[in-house]
Amino acid sequence: PSPSPGPTPGPSPSPGPAPAPPSPGPSPGPSPEPPSPSPSPSPSPPTPGPTPDPKTWMTLNHKPGYCAMYGTCGKRKDGDQLNCPKNIEAPPPSDELAKKLQKTCPTLWSEQGGANGKYCCTPEQIDKLATDSGKVAPFTVGCPACFHNFIHLWCVLSCSPNQAAFTNVTAVQFAADNNATAVAEISVWTSKQFNDDLFNSCKVCLPFALKA
Protein backbone atom coordinates (compact mmCIF):
# COMPACT_ATOMS: atom_id res chain seq x y z
CA PRO A 1 0.00 0.00 0.00
CA SER A 2 1.08 3.50 -0.74
CA PRO A 3 1.92 5.59 2.22
CA SER A 4 -0.74 8.13 3.10
CA PRO A 5 0.33 11.72 2.87
CA GLY A 6 1.05 13.57 6.02
CA PRO A 7 -1.04 16.50 7.25
CA THR A 8 -1.29 19.50 5.02
CA PRO A 9 0.76 22.34 6.37
CA GLY A 10 -1.36 25.28 7.55
CA PRO A 11 -0.96 28.81 6.38
CA SER A 12 2.23 30.62 7.26
CA PRO A 13 1.78 32.84 10.30
CA SER A 14 1.11 36.46 9.31
CA PRO A 15 3.51 38.99 10.67
CA GLY A 16 2.30 41.11 13.70
CA PRO A 17 1.73 44.87 13.55
CA ALA A 18 4.83 46.95 13.02
CA PRO A 19 6.09 48.43 16.27
CA ALA A 20 5.19 52.07 16.74
CA PRO A 21 8.11 54.45 16.52
CA PRO A 22 9.31 55.63 19.88
CA SER A 23 7.53 58.79 20.95
CA PRO A 24 9.84 61.73 21.15
CA GLY A 25 10.67 63.02 24.60
CA PRO A 26 9.79 66.51 25.75
CA SER A 27 11.26 69.22 23.55
CA PRO A 28 14.11 71.00 25.22
CA GLY A 29 13.27 74.46 26.57
CA PRO A 30 15.18 77.63 25.69
CA SER A 31 18.73 77.88 26.88
CA PRO A 32 18.89 79.65 30.25
CA GLU A 33 20.12 83.26 29.98
CA PRO A 34 23.31 84.05 31.81
CA PRO A 35 22.67 85.90 35.08
CA SER A 36 22.88 89.65 34.72
CA PRO A 37 25.89 91.14 36.48
CA SER A 38 25.11 92.62 39.84
CA PRO A 39 25.36 96.42 39.85
CA SER A 40 28.56 97.78 41.22
CA PRO A 41 28.01 99.53 44.52
CA SER A 42 27.97 103.32 44.44
CA PRO A 43 31.01 104.85 46.11
CA SER A 44 30.28 105.58 49.73
CA PRO A 45 31.50 108.77 51.37
CA PRO A 46 34.76 108.46 53.28
CA THR A 47 34.34 107.20 56.82
CA PRO A 48 35.01 109.96 59.35
CA GLY A 49 38.16 109.47 61.31
CA PRO A 50 38.53 109.78 65.06
CA THR A 51 37.66 113.08 66.69
CA PRO A 52 40.75 115.29 66.30
CA ASP A 53 42.60 116.37 69.37
CA PRO A 54 41.61 120.00 70.12
CA LYS A 55 45.26 120.87 70.56
CA THR A 56 45.76 120.21 66.84
CA TRP A 57 43.20 122.79 65.68
CA MET A 58 42.48 125.29 68.47
CA THR A 59 43.86 128.82 68.18
CA LEU A 60 46.18 128.72 71.19
CA ASN A 61 48.59 131.48 70.14
CA HIS A 62 46.85 134.85 69.69
CA LYS A 63 50.01 136.89 69.24
CA PRO A 64 50.32 139.31 66.30
CA GLY A 65 52.13 137.71 63.38
CA TYR A 66 50.26 134.41 63.70
CA CYS A 67 47.46 132.83 61.70
CA ALA A 68 44.39 131.01 62.99
CA MET A 69 43.71 129.50 59.56
CA TYR A 70 45.87 128.87 56.52
CA GLY A 71 45.11 127.19 53.20
CA THR A 72 42.19 124.94 52.26
CA CYS A 73 41.78 121.37 53.50
CA GLY A 74 38.81 120.07 51.51
CA LYS A 75 35.25 120.84 50.48
CA ARG A 76 31.76 120.79 51.91
CA LYS A 77 29.01 118.66 50.35
CA ASP A 78 27.99 121.66 48.23
CA GLY A 79 31.54 122.00 46.88
CA ASP A 80 32.47 125.12 48.85
CA GLN A 81 36.07 125.24 50.05
CA LEU A 82 36.93 124.78 53.71
CA ASN A 83 39.84 126.50 55.44
CA CYS A 84 42.49 124.65 57.42
CA PRO A 85 42.82 125.36 61.15
CA LYS A 86 46.50 126.25 61.41
CA ASN A 87 47.81 128.40 64.23
CA ILE A 88 51.14 129.09 62.53
CA GLU A 89 53.40 132.06 61.98
CA ALA A 90 52.32 134.05 58.93
CA PRO A 91 54.63 133.26 55.97
CA PRO A 92 55.90 135.65 53.26
CA PRO A 93 53.98 135.66 49.97
CA SER A 94 54.84 133.57 46.94
CA ASP A 95 55.06 135.31 43.58
CA GLU A 96 51.62 133.96 42.65
CA LEU A 97 50.05 135.18 45.90
CA ALA A 98 51.71 138.58 45.51
CA LYS A 99 50.10 139.11 42.10
CA LYS A 100 46.66 138.10 43.32
CA LEU A 101 46.84 140.19 46.48
CA GLN A 102 47.76 143.29 44.49
CA LYS A 103 44.71 142.77 42.31
CA THR A 104 42.10 141.69 44.87
CA CYS A 105 43.37 143.16 48.16
CA PRO A 106 45.41 146.25 47.20
CA THR A 107 44.77 148.08 50.48
CA LEU A 108 45.93 145.17 52.63
CA TRP A 109 48.90 144.63 50.33
CA SER A 110 49.95 148.25 50.79
CA GLU A 111 49.34 148.28 54.56
CA GLN A 112 51.49 145.19 55.12
CA GLY A 113 54.46 146.38 53.08
CA GLY A 114 53.78 144.51 49.86
CA ALA A 115 56.28 141.79 49.07
CA ASN A 116 58.07 142.47 52.38
CA GLY A 117 54.97 141.59 54.39
CA LYS A 118 53.54 138.29 55.58
CA TYR A 119 50.09 136.88 54.93
CA CYS A 120 47.77 134.18 56.30
CA CYS A 121 46.31 133.05 52.97
CA THR A 122 47.14 131.12 49.81
CA PRO A 123 46.46 131.86 46.14
CA GLU A 124 43.49 129.44 46.20
CA GLN A 125 41.89 131.39 49.03
CA ILE A 126 42.31 134.66 47.12
CA ASP A 127 40.63 133.08 44.08
CA LYS A 128 37.59 132.24 46.19
CA LEU A 129 37.60 135.69 47.77
CA ALA A 130 37.63 137.31 44.33
CA THR A 131 34.71 135.12 43.21
CA ASP A 132 32.69 135.90 46.33
CA SER A 133 33.35 139.62 46.06
CA GLY A 134 31.62 139.61 42.68
CA LYS A 135 28.39 138.62 44.45
CA VAL A 136 28.46 141.87 46.46
CA ALA A 137 29.04 144.19 43.51
CA PRO A 138 25.39 144.33 42.30
CA PHE A 139 24.25 145.49 45.74
CA THR A 140 26.83 148.27 46.03
CA VAL A 141 26.43 149.97 42.65
CA GLY A 142 26.93 153.69 43.20
CA CYS A 143 28.63 153.16 46.57
CA PRO A 144 32.31 152.55 45.89
CA ALA A 145 33.24 153.19 49.54
CA CYS A 146 30.87 150.46 50.70
CA PHE A 147 32.20 147.98 48.15
CA HIS A 148 35.80 148.81 49.02
CA ASN A 149 35.20 148.38 52.75
CA PHE A 150 33.44 145.05 52.27
CA ILE A 151 36.28 143.66 50.17
CA HIS A 152 38.90 145.02 52.55
CA LEU A 153 37.09 143.35 55.46
CA TRP A 154 37.23 139.97 53.69
CA CYS A 155 40.88 140.50 52.82
CA VAL A 156 41.76 141.28 56.43
CA LEU A 157 39.80 138.31 57.78
CA SER A 158 41.41 135.96 55.27
CA CYS A 159 44.96 137.24 54.90
CA SER A 160 46.01 139.56 57.72
CA PRO A 161 49.30 138.43 59.29
CA ASN A 162 47.73 139.25 62.65
CA GLN A 163 44.73 137.01 62.03
CA ALA A 164 45.10 135.06 65.28
CA ALA A 165 44.95 138.29 67.29
CA PHE A 166 41.27 138.77 66.35
CA THR A 167 40.17 135.28 65.18
CA ASN A 168 39.51 132.13 67.18
CA VAL A 169 38.64 128.76 65.62
CA THR A 170 35.82 127.41 67.80
CA ALA A 171 34.77 124.22 65.94
CA VAL A 172 36.01 121.90 63.21
CA GLN A 173 34.42 119.42 60.82
CA PHE A 174 35.46 116.62 58.49
CA ALA A 175 35.65 117.68 54.84
CA ALA A 176 33.11 115.81 52.71
CA ASP A 177 35.58 114.91 49.98
CA ASN A 178 38.64 113.74 51.92
CA ASN A 179 37.81 113.62 55.66
CA ALA A 180 40.44 116.24 56.45
CA THR A 181 39.94 118.30 59.59
CA ALA A 182 38.65 121.70 58.45
CA VAL A 183 37.27 124.85 60.04
CA ALA A 184 33.55 124.77 60.88
CA GLU A 185 33.14 127.89 63.04
CA ILE A 186 35.16 130.91 64.07
CA SER A 187 34.76 133.89 66.38
CA VAL A 188 36.00 137.29 65.22
CA TRP A 189 36.58 140.40 67.30
CA THR A 190 36.15 143.80 65.63
CA SER A 191 36.18 147.27 67.15
CA LYS A 192 33.07 149.43 67.43
CA GLN A 193 34.77 152.08 65.30
CA PHE A 194 35.39 149.57 62.51
CA ASN A 195 31.79 148.36 62.67
CA ASP A 196 30.41 151.91 62.61
CA ASP A 197 32.60 152.94 59.67
CA LEU A 198 31.50 149.91 57.63
CA PHE A 199 27.84 150.49 58.48
CA ASN A 200 27.92 154.20 57.65
CA SER A 201 29.63 153.60 54.30
CA CYS A 202 26.90 151.16 53.27
CA LYS A 203 23.67 152.34 54.88
CA VAL A 204 22.79 154.62 51.95
CA CYS A 205 23.35 151.86 49.38
CA LEU A 206 21.75 149.04 51.34
CA PRO A 207 18.81 150.58 53.22
CA PHE A 208 17.01 147.24 53.46
CA ALA A 209 20.02 145.07 54.23
CA LEU A 210 21.55 147.29 56.90
CA LYS A 211 19.19 148.71 59.47
CA ALA A 212 20.13 150.68 62.53
C-alpha atoms as a PDB file:
ATOM      1  CA  PRO A   1       0.000   0.000   0.000  1.00  0.00           C
ATOM      2  CA  SER A   2       1.079   3.502  -0.744  1.00  0.00           C
ATOM      3  CA  PRO A   3       1.917   5.591   2.219  1.00  0.00           C
ATOM      4  CA  SER A   4      -0.739   8.132   3.098  1.00  0.00           C
ATOM      5  CA  PRO A   5       0.332  11.722   2.867  1.00  0.00           C
ATOM      6  CA  GLY A   6       1.052  13.573   6.020  1.00  0.00           C
ATOM      7  CA  PRO A   7      -1.039  16.501   7.253  1.00  0.00           C
ATOM      8  CA  THR A   8      -1.293  19.501   5.021  1.00  0.00           C
ATOM      9  CA  PRO A   9       0.759  22.342   6.365  1.00  0.00           C
ATOM     10  CA  GLY A  10      -1.357  25.277   7.551  1.00  0.00           C
ATOM     11  CA  PRO A  11      -0.961  28.807   6.383  1.00  0.00           C
ATOM     12  CA  SER A  12       2.230  30.623   7.263  1.00  0.00           C
ATOM     13  CA  PRO A  13       1.781  32.841  10.304  1.00  0.00           C
ATOM     14  CA  SER A  14       1.112  36.458   9.313  1.00  0.00           C
ATOM     15  CA  PRO A  15       3.507  38.987  10.670  1.00  0.00           C
ATOM     16  CA  GLY A  16       2.301  41.113  13.700  1.00  0.00           C
ATOM     17  CA  PRO A  17       1.731  44.866  13.545  1.00  0.00           C
ATOM     18  CA  ALA A  18       4.834  46.949  13.023  1.00  0.00           C
ATOM     19  CA  PRO A  19       6.091  48.426  16.268  1.00  0.00           C
ATOM     20  CA  ALA A  20       5.187  52.071  16.744  1.00  0.00           C
ATOM     21  CA  PRO A  21       8.112  54.454  16.525  1.00  0.00           C
ATOM     22  CA  PRO A  22       9.312  55.630  19.876  1.00  0.00           C
ATOM     23  CA  SER A  23       7.527  58.788  20.951  1.00  0.00           C
ATOM     24  CA  PRO A  24       9.837  61.733  21.152  1.00  0.00           C
ATOM     25  CA  GLY A  25      10.665  63.024  24.598  1.00  0.00           C
ATOM     26  CA  PRO A  26       9.788  66.514  25.748  1.00  0.00           C
ATOM     27  CA  SER A  27      11.259  69.223  23.547  1.00  0.00           C
ATOM     28  CA  PRO A  28      14.113  71.000  25.223  1.00  0.00           C
ATOM     29  CA  GLY A  29      13.266  74.462  26.573  1.00  0.00           C
ATOM     30  CA  PRO A  30      15.179  77.635  25.689  1.00  0.00           C
ATOM     31  CA  SER A  31      18.732  77.885  26.881  1.00  0.00           C
ATOM     32  CA  PRO A  32      18.895  79.646  30.246  1.00  0.00           C
ATOM     33  CA  GLU A  33      20.116  83.256  29.980  1.00  0.00           C
ATOM     34  CA  PRO A  34      23.311  84.053  31.815  1.00  0.00           C
ATOM     35  CA  PRO A  35      22.668  85.901  35.081  1.00  0.00           C
ATOM     36  CA  SER A  36      22.877  89.650  34.721  1.00  0.00           C
ATOM     37  CA  PRO A  37      25.889  91.140  36.475  1.00  0.00           C
ATOM     38  CA  SER A  38      25.106  92.624  39.842  1.00  0.00           C
ATOM     39  CA  PRO A  39      25.357  96.422  39.848  1.00  0.00           C
ATOM     40  CA  SER A  40      28.562  97.779  41.220  1.00  0.00           C
ATOM     41  CA  PRO A  41      28.007  99.534  44.519  1.00  0.00           C
ATOM     42  CA  SER A  42      27.974 103.321  44.437  1.00  0.00           C
ATOM     43  CA  PRO A  43      31.010 104.850  46.115  1.00  0.00           C
ATOM     44  CA  SER A  44      30.283 105.578  49.727  1.00  0.00           C
ATOM     45  CA  PRO A  45      31.504 108.772  51.371  1.00  0.00           C
ATOM     46  CA  PRO A  46      34.756 108.455  53.283  1.00  0.00           C
ATOM     47  CA  THR A  47      34.341 107.204  56.816  1.00  0.00           C
ATOM     48  CA  PRO A  48      35.008 109.957  59.355  1.00  0.00           C
ATOM     49  CA  GLY A  49      38.157 109.470  61.314  1.00  0.00           C
ATOM     50  CA  PRO A  50      38.527 109.780  65.057  1.00  0.00           C
ATOM     51  CA  THR A  51      37.664 113.079  66.687  1.00  0.00           C
ATOM     52  CA  PRO A  52      40.748 115.286  66.299  1.00  0.00           C
ATOM     53  CA  ASP A  53      42.602 116.374  69.373  1.00  0.00           C
ATOM     54  CA  PRO A  54      41.606 120.001  70.120  1.00  0.00           C
ATOM     55  CA  LYS A  55      45.257 120.865  70.562  1.00  0.00           C
ATOM     56  CA  THR A  56      45.764 120.208  66.841  1.00  0.00           C
ATOM     57  CA  TRP A  57      43.204 122.790  65.682  1.00  0.00           C
ATOM     58  CA  MET A  58      42.479 125.289  68.468  1.00  0.00           C
ATOM     59  CA  THR A  59      43.856 128.824  68.184  1.00  0.00           C
ATOM     60  CA  LEU A  60      46.178 128.725  71.186  1.00  0.00           C
ATOM     61  CA  ASN A  61      48.587 131.481  70.137  1.00  0.00           C
ATOM     62  CA  HIS A  62      46.852 134.845  69.688  1.00  0.00           C
ATOM     63  CA  LYS A  63      50.008 136.894  69.236  1.00  0.00           C
ATOM     64  CA  PRO A  64      50.320 139.315  66.304  1.00  0.00           C
ATOM     65  CA  GLY A  65      52.135 137.715  63.380  1.00  0.00           C
ATOM     66  CA  TYR A  66      50.265 134.406  63.700  1.00  0.00           C
ATOM     67  CA  CYS A  67      47.459 132.829  61.695  1.00  0.00           C
ATOM     68  CA  ALA A  68      44.385 131.012  62.989  1.00  0.00           C
ATOM     69  CA  MET A  69      43.711 129.502  59.558  1.00  0.00           C
ATOM     70  CA  TYR A  70      45.868 128.872  56.520  1.00  0.00           C
ATOM     71  CA  GLY A  71      45.107 127.191  53.202  1.00  0.00           C
ATOM     72  CA  THR A  72      42.194 124.938  52.257  1.00  0.00           C
ATOM     73  CA  CYS A  73      41.778 121.372  53.499  1.00  0.00           C
ATOM     74  CA  GLY A  74      38.809 120.074  51.508  1.00  0.00           C
ATOM     75  CA  LYS A  75      35.250 120.844  50.482  1.00  0.00           C
ATOM     76  CA  ARG A  76      31.764 120.787  51.910  1.00  0.00           C
ATOM     77  CA  LYS A  77      29.013 118.664  50.352  1.00  0.00           C
ATOM     78  CA  ASP A  78      27.990 121.660  48.234  1.00  0.00           C
ATOM     79  CA  GLY A  79      31.545 122.005  46.879  1.00  0.00           C
ATOM     80  CA  ASP A  80      32.470 125.118  48.845  1.00  0.00           C
ATOM     81  CA  GLN A  81      36.067 125.238  50.053  1.00  0.00           C
ATOM     82  CA  LEU A  82      36.932 124.777  53.712  1.00  0.00           C
ATOM     83  CA  ASN A  83      39.840 126.498  55.436  1.00  0.00           C
ATOM     84  CA  CYS A  84      42.486 124.649  57.418  1.00  0.00           C
ATOM     85  CA  PRO A  85      42.820 125.355  61.145  1.00  0.00           C
ATOM     86  CA  LYS A  86      46.504 126.253  61.409  1.00  0.00           C
ATOM     87  CA  ASN A  87      47.814 128.396  64.231  1.00  0.00           C
ATOM     88  CA  ILE A  88      51.140 129.092  62.534  1.00  0.00           C
ATOM     89  CA  GLU A  89      53.395 132.065  61.984  1.00  0.00           C
ATOM     90  CA  ALA A  90      52.322 134.054  58.927  1.00  0.00           C
ATOM     91  CA  PRO A  91      54.627 133.265  55.967  1.00  0.00           C
ATOM     92  CA  PRO A  92      55.898 135.654  53.263  1.00  0.00           C
ATOM     93  CA  PRO A  93      53.983 135.662  49.971  1.00  0.00           C
ATOM     94  CA  SER A  94      54.841 133.565  46.943  1.00  0.00           C
ATOM     95  CA  ASP A  95      55.056 135.305  43.577  1.00  0.00           C
ATOM     96  CA  GLU A  96      51.618 133.963  42.654  1.00  0.00           C
ATOM     97  CA  LEU A  97      50.052 135.184  45.897  1.00  0.00           C
ATOM     98  CA  ALA A  98      51.713 138.580  45.514  1.00  0.00           C
ATOM     99  CA  LYS A  99      50.101 139.113  42.104  1.00  0.00           C
ATOM    100  CA  LYS A 100      46.663 138.100  43.317  1.00  0.00           C
ATOM    101  CA  LEU A 101      46.836 140.195  46.484  1.00  0.00           C
ATOM    102  CA  GLN A 102      47.762 143.288  44.489  1.00  0.00           C
ATOM    103  CA  LYS A 103      44.714 142.769  42.311  1.00  0.00           C
ATOM    104  CA  THR A 104      42.098 141.687  44.867  1.00  0.00           C
ATOM    105  CA  CYS A 105      43.370 143.159  48.159  1.00  0.00           C
ATOM    106  CA  PRO A 106      45.406 146.249  47.205  1.00  0.00           C
ATOM    107  CA  THR A 107      44.773 148.084  50.482  1.00  0.00           C
ATOM    108  CA  LEU A 108      45.934 145.169  52.630  1.00  0.00           C
ATOM    109  CA  TRP A 109      48.904 144.632  50.334  1.00  0.00           C
ATOM    110  CA  SER A 110      49.954 148.247  50.793  1.00  0.00           C
ATOM    111  CA  GLU A 111      49.338 148.283  54.562  1.00  0.00           C
ATOM    112  CA  GLN A 112      51.491 145.188  55.118  1.00  0.00           C
ATOM    113  CA  GLY A 113      54.459 146.382  53.084  1.00  0.00           C
ATOM    114  CA  GLY A 114      53.780 144.508  49.856  1.00  0.00           C
ATOM    115  CA  ALA A 115      56.283 141.791  49.069  1.00  0.00           C
ATOM    116  CA  ASN A 116      58.075 142.471  52.379  1.00  0.00           C
ATOM    117  CA  GLY A 117      54.974 141.594  54.394  1.00  0.00           C
ATOM    118  CA  LYS A 118      53.545 138.292  55.580  1.00  0.00           C
ATOM    119  CA  TYR A 119      50.086 136.881  54.933  1.00  0.00           C
ATOM    120  CA  CYS A 120      47.770 134.179  56.303  1.00  0.00           C
ATOM    121  CA  CYS A 121      46.307 133.054  52.974  1.00  0.00           C
ATOM    122  CA  THR A 122      47.141 131.119  49.814  1.00  0.00           C
ATOM    123  CA  PRO A 123      46.465 131.860  46.136  1.00  0.00           C
ATOM    124  CA  GLU A 124      43.488 129.443  46.197  1.00  0.00           C
ATOM    125  CA  GLN A 125      41.890 131.393  49.027  1.00  0.00           C
ATOM    126  CA  ILE A 126      42.307 134.655  47.116  1.00  0.00           C
ATOM    127  CA  ASP A 127      40.633 133.079  44.082  1.00  0.00           C
ATOM    128  CA  LYS A 128      37.595 132.239  46.191  1.00  0.00           C
ATOM    129  CA  LEU A 129      37.596 135.692  47.774  1.00  0.00           C
ATOM    130  CA  ALA A 130      37.630 137.305  44.332  1.00  0.00           C
ATOM    131  CA  THR A 131      34.711 135.125  43.213  1.00  0.00           C
ATOM    132  CA  ASP A 132      32.688 135.904  46.331  1.00  0.00           C
ATOM    133  CA  SER A 133      33.348 139.621  46.055  1.00  0.00           C
ATOM    134  CA  GLY A 134      31.623 139.608  42.683  1.00  0.00           C
ATOM    135  CA  LYS A 135      28.391 138.619  44.448  1.00  0.00           C
ATOM    136  CA  VAL A 136      28.456 141.866  46.456  1.00  0.00           C
ATOM    137  CA  ALA A 137      29.039 144.194  43.506  1.00  0.00           C
ATOM    138  CA  PRO A 138      25.387 144.331  42.296  1.00  0.00           C
ATOM    139  CA  PHE A 139      24.252 145.491  45.739  1.00  0.00           C
ATOM    140  CA  THR A 140      26.830 148.271  46.031  1.00  0.00           C
ATOM    141  CA  VAL A 141      26.435 149.966  42.652  1.00  0.00           C
ATOM    142  CA  GLY A 142      26.928 153.687  43.198  1.00  0.00           C
ATOM    143  CA  CYS A 143      28.630 153.163  46.570  1.00  0.00           C
ATOM    144  CA  PRO A 144      32.314 152.551  45.892  1.00  0.00           C
ATOM    145  CA  ALA A 145      33.243 153.191  49.542  1.00  0.00           C
ATOM    146  CA  CYS A 146      30.870 150.456  50.703  1.00  0.00           C
ATOM    147  CA  PHE A 147      32.197 147.977  48.149  1.00  0.00           C
ATOM    148  CA  HIS A 148      35.799 148.807  49.018  1.00  0.00           C
ATOM    149  CA  ASN A 149      35.201 148.385  52.750  1.00  0.00           C
ATOM    150  CA  PHE A 150      33.438 145.049  52.273  1.00  0.00           C
ATOM    151  CA  ILE A 151      36.275 143.662  50.175  1.00  0.00           C
ATOM    152  CA  HIS A 152      38.902 145.015  52.550  1.00  0.00           C
ATOM    153  CA  LEU A 153      37.090 143.354  55.464  1.00  0.00           C
ATOM    154  CA  TRP A 154      37.226 139.974  53.693  1.00  0.00           C
ATOM    155  CA  CYS A 155      40.875 140.500  52.816  1.00  0.00           C
ATOM    156  CA  VAL A 156      41.759 141.277  56.431  1.00  0.00           C
ATOM    157  CA  LEU A 157      39.795 138.313  57.780  1.00  0.00           C
ATOM    158  CA  SER A 158      41.409 135.956  55.271  1.00  0.00           C
ATOM    159  CA  CYS A 159      44.956 137.238  54.902  1.00  0.00           C
ATOM    160  CA  SER A 160      46.010 139.556  57.718  1.00  0.00           C
ATOM    161  CA  PRO A 161      49.301 138.433  59.286  1.00  0.00           C
ATOM    162  CA  ASN A 162      47.729 139.249  62.654  1.00  0.00           C
ATOM    163  CA  GLN A 163      44.728 137.009  62.034  1.00  0.00           C
ATOM    164  CA  ALA A 164      45.102 135.060  65.279  1.00  0.00           C
ATOM    165  CA  ALA A 165      44.947 138.294  67.286  1.00  0.00           C
ATOM    166  CA  PHE A 166      41.268 138.766  66.353  1.00  0.00           C
ATOM    167  CA  THR A 167      40.165 135.280  65.184  1.00  0.00           C
ATOM    168  CA  ASN A 168      39.511 132.131  67.178  1.00  0.00           C
ATOM    169  CA  VAL A 169      38.641 128.762  65.617  1.00  0.00           C
ATOM    170  CA  THR A 170      35.823 127.408  67.798  1.00  0.00           C
ATOM    171  CA  ALA A 171      34.767 124.216  65.941  1.00  0.00           C
ATOM    172  CA  VAL A 172      36.011 121.901  63.212  1.00  0.00           C
ATOM    173  CA  GLN A 173      34.420 119.419  60.817  1.00  0.00           C
ATOM    174  CA  PHE A 174      35.462 116.615  58.494  1.00  0.00           C
ATOM    175  CA  ALA A 175      35.650 117.683  54.838  1.00  0.00           C
ATOM    176  CA  ALA A 176      33.106 115.812  52.715  1.00  0.00           C
ATOM    177  CA  ASP A 177      35.579 114.908  49.979  1.00  0.00           C
ATOM    178  CA  ASN A 178      38.643 113.743  51.922  1.00  0.00           C
ATOM    179  CA  ASN A 179      37.814 113.621  55.658  1.00  0.00           C
ATOM    180  CA  ALA A 180      40.443 116.235  56.448  1.00  0.00           C
ATOM    181  CA  THR A 181      39.939 118.305  59.585  1.00  0.00           C
ATOM    182  CA  ALA A 182      38.650 121.700  58.451  1.00  0.00           C
ATOM    183  CA  VAL A 183      37.267 124.845  60.042  1.00  0.00           C
ATOM    184  CA  ALA A 184      33.555 124.774  60.877  1.00  0.00           C
ATOM    185  CA  GLU A 185      33.138 127.889  63.036  1.00  0.00           C
ATOM    186  CA  ILE A 186      35.164 130.913  64.072  1.00  0.00           C
ATOM    187  CA  SER A 187      34.756 133.886  66.378  1.00  0.00           C
ATOM    188  CA  VAL A 188      35.998 137.285  65.218  1.00  0.00           C
ATOM    189  CA  TRP A 189      36.581 140.397  67.296  1.00  0.00           C
ATOM    190  CA  THR A 190      36.151 143.805  65.627  1.00  0.00           C
ATOM    191  CA  SER A 191      36.181 147.271  67.146  1.00  0.00           C
ATOM    192  CA  LYS A 192      33.068 149.435  67.426  1.00  0.00           C
ATOM    193  CA  GLN A 193      34.772 152.084  65.301  1.00  0.00           C
ATOM    194  CA  PHE A 194      35.388 149.573  62.507  1.00  0.00           C
ATOM    195  CA  ASN A 195      31.787 148.365  62.665  1.00  0.00           C
ATOM    196  CA  ASP A 196      30.413 151.914  62.606  1.00  0.00           C
ATOM    197  CA  ASP A 197      32.598 152.936  59.669  1.00  0.00           C
ATOM    198  CA  LEU A 198      31.496 149.913  57.628  1.00  0.00           C
ATOM    199  CA  PHE A 199      27.843 150.493  58.478  1.00  0.00           C
ATOM    200  CA  ASN A 200      27.922 154.198  57.655  1.00  0.00           C
ATOM    201  CA  SER A 201      29.634 153.598  54.302  1.00  0.00           C
ATOM    202  CA  CYS A 202      26.899 151.158  53.266  1.00  0.00           C
ATOM    203  CA  LYS A 203      23.669 152.340  54.879  1.00  0.00           C
ATOM    204  CA  VAL A 204      22.788 154.619  51.949  1.00  0.00           C
ATOM    205  CA  CYS A 205      23.349 151.859  49.384  1.00  0.00           C
ATOM    206  CA  LEU A 206      21.753 149.042  51.341  1.00  0.00           C
ATOM    207  CA  PRO A 207      18.814 150.584  53.222  1.00  0.00           C
ATOM    208  CA  PHE A 208      17.013 147.242  53.456  1.00  0.00           C
ATOM    209  CA  ALA A 209      20.025 145.067  54.231  1.00  0.00           C
ATOM    210  CA  LEU A 210      21.553 147.289  56.896  1.00  0.00           C
ATOM    211  CA  LYS A 211      19.188 148.713  59.469  1.00  0.00           C
ATOM    212  CA  ALA A 212      20.131 150.684  62.529  1.00  0.00           C
END
